[in-house]
Amino acid sequence: MKNFVCSLFLIMFVCSIAPGQNWRPINKLFHYNYRRNNNTELISVWVDSSSFNNQTNSYYLNRNLEDSMDVNFCGLCYCKTNQPGFLQHICVIPPNGNVAFYFPDTFYINIYDSVGASWVYDYYPTTITAQIISATFDSIFDTMDSVKTILLSTNDTIRISKKFGILCFPKGPSPFEYYRLKGIDGAVDQDYKFQSFTWSTLI
């Protein structure tokens, strides 16, 4: 009986970290809150709208206000509106799991591949390759989940959780600076909450 229980646990563990069709970098029901290294500012990412065609999900991500170093004719700095975030503006999830993030830049994350698999992550301005170097089980927000670590040819890494999506993402172009997931609305009760607002409060 003891051997049967151990075998059952082992099978469950292996299945949990094996490639599965429910890996997803973004859940359209969640609001993700990231922090850049030790910066106190939270950066929120969510799906603003979506479409489904030919078994492919297209997620249109939220736009942001962005500080500008430009100065207007009055000598005042201003903010740029309608700017894409670090995950770009559009996320396309095809059946094969080679997820494309694009506009204005483009990069690819293969969410279904196994350890050792590699692909071209970014083609421009120089080719950057990616390889899955580990698939482990880790505690994310007090929940055990499968986690894959992807090593880029720039020596930066991306960590992605089966349930919670992208955990760690390189900021670039500075090496070893990352956006790290600090909380999710709609999934777990964390200290960091997405705060809703209207455009009228920002103008």
Protein backbone atom coordinates (compact mmCIF):
# COMPACT_ATOMS: atom_id res chain seq x y z
CA MET A 1 0.00 0.00 0.00
CA LYS A 2 2.84 2.34 0.89
CA ASN A 3 4.54 1.70 -2.45
CA PHE A 4 1.25 2.34 -4.27
CA VAL A 5 0.80 5.71 -2.54
CA CYS A 6 4.38 6.73 -3.34
CA SER A 7 3.95 5.70 -6.97
CA LEU A 8 0.70 7.61 -7.23
CA PHE A 9 2.31 10.73 -5.80
CA LEU A 10 5.22 10.41 -8.24
CA ILE A 11 2.86 10.09 -11.20
CA MET A 12 0.90 13.15 -10.07
CA PHE A 13 4.10 15.15 -9.67
CA VAL A 14 5.47 14.21 -13.10
CA CYS A 15 2.15 14.99 -14.76
CA SER A 16 2.02 18.34 -13.02
CA ILE A 17 5.33 19.50 -14.52
CA ALA A 18 4.87 17.86 -17.91
CA PRO A 19 3.77 19.98 -20.86
CA GLY A 20 0.05 20.55 -20.70
CA GLN A 21 -2.55 22.41 -22.64
CA ASN A 22 -3.42 24.69 -19.72
CA TRP A 23 -0.09 26.51 -19.53
CA ARG A 24 -0.81 30.15 -20.23
CA PRO A 25 1.33 33.28 -19.98
CA ILE A 26 -1.73 35.48 -19.37
CA ASN A 27 -5.18 34.77 -18.01
CA LYS A 28 -7.74 37.24 -19.32
CA LEU A 29 -9.63 37.11 -16.00
CA PHE A 30 -6.64 38.31 -13.95
CA HIS A 31 -5.02 41.66 -13.27
CA TYR A 32 -1.28 41.17 -12.82
CA ASN A 33 0.77 43.52 -10.65
CA TYR A 34 4.53 43.67 -11.25
CA ARG A 35 7.36 45.53 -9.61
CA ARG A 36 10.64 46.40 -11.34
CA ASN A 37 13.50 45.27 -9.09
CA ASN A 38 13.36 47.45 -5.94
CA ASN A 39 11.25 50.15 -7.53
CA THR A 40 8.18 50.96 -5.41
CA GLU A 41 5.98 51.59 -8.45
CA LEU A 42 3.60 48.80 -9.41
CA ILE A 43 3.01 48.06 -13.08
CA SER A 44 -0.31 46.43 -13.90
CA VAL A 45 -1.02 44.19 -16.89
CA TRP A 46 -4.45 42.95 -17.92
CA VAL A 47 -6.40 41.91 -21.00
CA ASP A 48 -8.45 44.83 -22.24
CA SER A 49 -10.23 42.82 -24.97
CA SER A 50 -9.84 39.50 -26.76
CA SER A 51 -10.80 37.52 -29.84
CA PHE A 52 -10.80 33.84 -30.80
CA ASN A 53 -10.28 32.59 -34.34
CA ASN A 54 -8.97 29.30 -35.79
CA GLN A 55 -8.28 27.93 -32.29
CA THR A 56 -6.08 30.95 -31.58
CA ASN A 57 -6.61 33.42 -28.74
CA SER A 58 -5.63 37.03 -29.32
CA TYR A 59 -5.40 39.19 -26.21
CA TYR A 60 -5.19 42.96 -26.49
CA LEU A 61 -3.40 44.24 -23.41
CA ASN A 62 -3.94 47.47 -21.54
CA ARG A 63 -2.16 50.68 -22.54
CA ASN A 64 -0.27 52.92 -20.12
CA LEU A 65 0.77 56.46 -19.38
CA GLU A 66 4.51 56.88 -19.82
CA ASP A 67 6.74 59.68 -18.55
CA SER A 68 8.38 61.59 -21.35
CA MET A 69 11.71 63.37 -21.25
CA ASP A 70 10.47 65.70 -23.97
CA VAL A 71 9.56 69.25 -23.03
CA ASN A 72 6.68 71.14 -24.62
CA PHE A 73 6.72 74.80 -25.70
CA CYS A 74 5.83 75.89 -22.15
CA GLY A 75 8.92 74.20 -20.75
CA LEU A 76 6.91 71.48 -19.02
CA CYS A 77 7.45 67.75 -19.23
CA TYR A 78 4.44 65.68 -20.19
CA CYS A 79 3.24 62.08 -20.31
CA LYS A 80 2.71 59.94 -23.38
CA THR A 81 -0.66 58.20 -23.46
CA ASN A 82 -1.74 54.91 -25.02
CA GLN A 83 1.70 53.30 -24.62
CA PRO A 84 2.20 49.49 -24.62
CA GLY A 85 3.63 47.81 -21.54
CA PHE A 86 6.63 45.50 -21.27
CA LEU A 87 4.54 42.59 -22.61
CA GLN A 88 3.67 44.68 -25.67
CA HIS A 89 0.12 45.38 -26.84
CA ILE A 90 -0.99 42.05 -28.33
CA CYS A 91 -0.52 38.49 -27.09
CA VAL A 92 -1.40 35.71 -29.56
CA ILE A 93 -1.72 32.16 -28.20
CA PRO A 94 -1.88 29.55 -31.01
CA PRO A 95 -2.63 25.83 -30.49
CA ASN A 96 1.06 24.88 -30.68
CA GLY A 97 1.89 27.11 -27.69
CA ASN A 98 4.44 29.31 -29.47
CA VAL A 99 3.04 32.51 -27.97
CA ALA A 100 3.79 35.77 -29.76
CA PHE A 101 3.91 39.13 -27.97
CA TYR A 102 4.04 42.00 -30.39
CA PHE A 103 3.60 45.69 -31.18
CA PRO A 104 5.76 47.58 -31.17
CA ASP A 105 8.40 44.87 -30.52
CA THR A 106 8.00 41.13 -31.10
CA PHE A 107 9.19 38.13 -29.09
CA TYR A 108 8.11 34.51 -28.62
CA ILE A 109 7.66 32.25 -25.60
CA ASN A 110 6.96 28.56 -26.18
CA ILE A 111 4.83 27.54 -23.22
CA TYR A 112 4.34 23.84 -24.06
CA ASP A 113 7.92 22.75 -24.77
CA SER A 114 9.98 20.61 -22.39
CA VAL A 115 13.39 21.07 -20.79
CA GLY A 116 16.09 21.41 -23.43
CA ALA A 117 13.82 22.83 -26.12
CA SER A 118 15.06 26.01 -27.81
CA TRP A 119 13.72 28.56 -30.28
CA VAL A 120 14.29 32.07 -31.61
CA TYR A 121 12.96 34.45 -28.99
CA ASP A 122 13.57 37.71 -30.88
CA TYR A 123 14.74 38.41 -34.43
CA TYR A 124 15.37 42.17 -34.33
CA PRO A 125 17.66 44.07 -34.08
CA THR A 126 19.82 41.01 -33.26
CA THR A 127 18.75 37.39 -32.96
CA ILE A 128 18.11 36.26 -29.39
CA THR A 129 17.52 32.58 -28.68
CA ALA A 130 15.70 30.98 -25.76
CA GLN A 131 15.99 27.58 -24.08
CA ILE A 132 13.98 25.94 -21.30
CA ILE A 133 16.58 24.99 -18.69
CA SER A 134 14.36 23.70 -15.88
CA ALA A 135 10.84 22.59 -15.00
CA THR A 136 10.23 22.46 -11.27
CA PHE A 137 7.54 22.61 -8.61
CA ASP A 138 7.51 25.79 -6.53
CA SER A 139 5.33 27.67 -4.05
CA ILE A 140 3.69 30.67 -5.73
CA PHE A 141 1.47 32.79 -3.47
CA ASP A 142 1.33 29.83 -1.05
CA THR A 143 0.15 27.54 -3.85
CA MET A 144 2.31 24.76 -5.27
CA ASP A 145 2.60 25.10 -9.03
CA SER A 146 4.72 24.00 -11.98
CA VAL A 147 7.35 26.57 -12.97
CA LYS A 148 9.56 26.68 -16.07
CA THR A 149 12.74 28.72 -16.33
CA ILE A 150 13.80 30.00 -19.75
CA LEU A 151 17.35 31.16 -20.38
CA LEU A 152 17.92 33.76 -23.10
CA SER A 153 21.15 34.08 -25.08
CA THR A 154 21.55 37.48 -23.35
CA ASN A 155 21.93 35.51 -20.06
CA ASP A 156 18.63 36.93 -18.81
CA THR A 157 15.92 34.55 -17.62
CA ILE A 158 12.14 34.31 -17.80
CA ARG A 159 10.13 32.33 -15.25
CA ILE A 160 6.61 31.23 -16.04
CA SER A 161 4.07 29.51 -13.81
CA LYS A 162 1.46 27.10 -15.13
CA LYS A 163 -1.31 28.70 -13.09
CA PHE A 164 -0.14 32.29 -12.56
CA GLY A 165 1.63 33.12 -15.84
CA ILE A 166 4.81 35.16 -16.16
CA LEU A 167 6.57 35.46 -12.80
CA CYS A 168 9.79 37.15 -13.84
CA PHE A 169 10.59 38.99 -17.05
CA PRO A 170 13.75 40.90 -18.08
CA LYS A 171 13.42 44.65 -18.32
CA GLY A 172 16.13 45.21 -20.96
CA PRO A 173 18.25 46.66 -22.33
CA SER A 174 19.95 46.74 -18.92
CA PRO A 175 20.97 43.17 -17.98
CA PHE A 176 19.61 41.46 -14.88
CA GLU A 177 16.83 43.93 -14.23
CA TYR A 178 13.43 42.28 -14.01
CA TYR A 179 9.72 42.80 -13.71
CA ARG A 180 8.64 40.49 -10.89
CA LEU A 181 5.07 39.44 -10.21
CA LYS A 182 3.93 40.70 -6.80
CA GLY A 183 0.21 40.00 -6.83
CA ILE A 184 -2.81 39.08 -8.91
CA ASP A 185 -6.36 40.32 -8.63
CA GLY A 186 -8.94 37.70 -9.46
CA ALA A 187 -6.72 34.78 -8.41
CA VAL A 188 -5.30 35.23 -4.93
CA ASP A 189 -5.68 37.70 -2.09
CA GLN A 190 -2.43 39.67 -2.01
CA ASP A 191 -1.32 42.96 -0.49
CA TYR A 192 -0.83 44.48 -3.93
CA LYS A 193 -4.14 45.25 -5.58
CA PHE A 194 -4.94 46.69 -8.95
CA GLN A 195 -6.66 50.02 -8.36
CA SER A 196 -9.28 50.89 -10.94
CA PHE A 197 -9.49 54.42 -12.30
CA THR A 198 -11.16 56.41 -15.01
CA TRP A 199 -9.39 58.51 -17.59
CA SER A 200 -11.05 61.62 -16.14
CA THR A 201 -9.02 61.16 -12.95
CA LEU A 202 -5.78 61.23 -14.96
CA ILE A 203 -6.45 64.30 -17.09
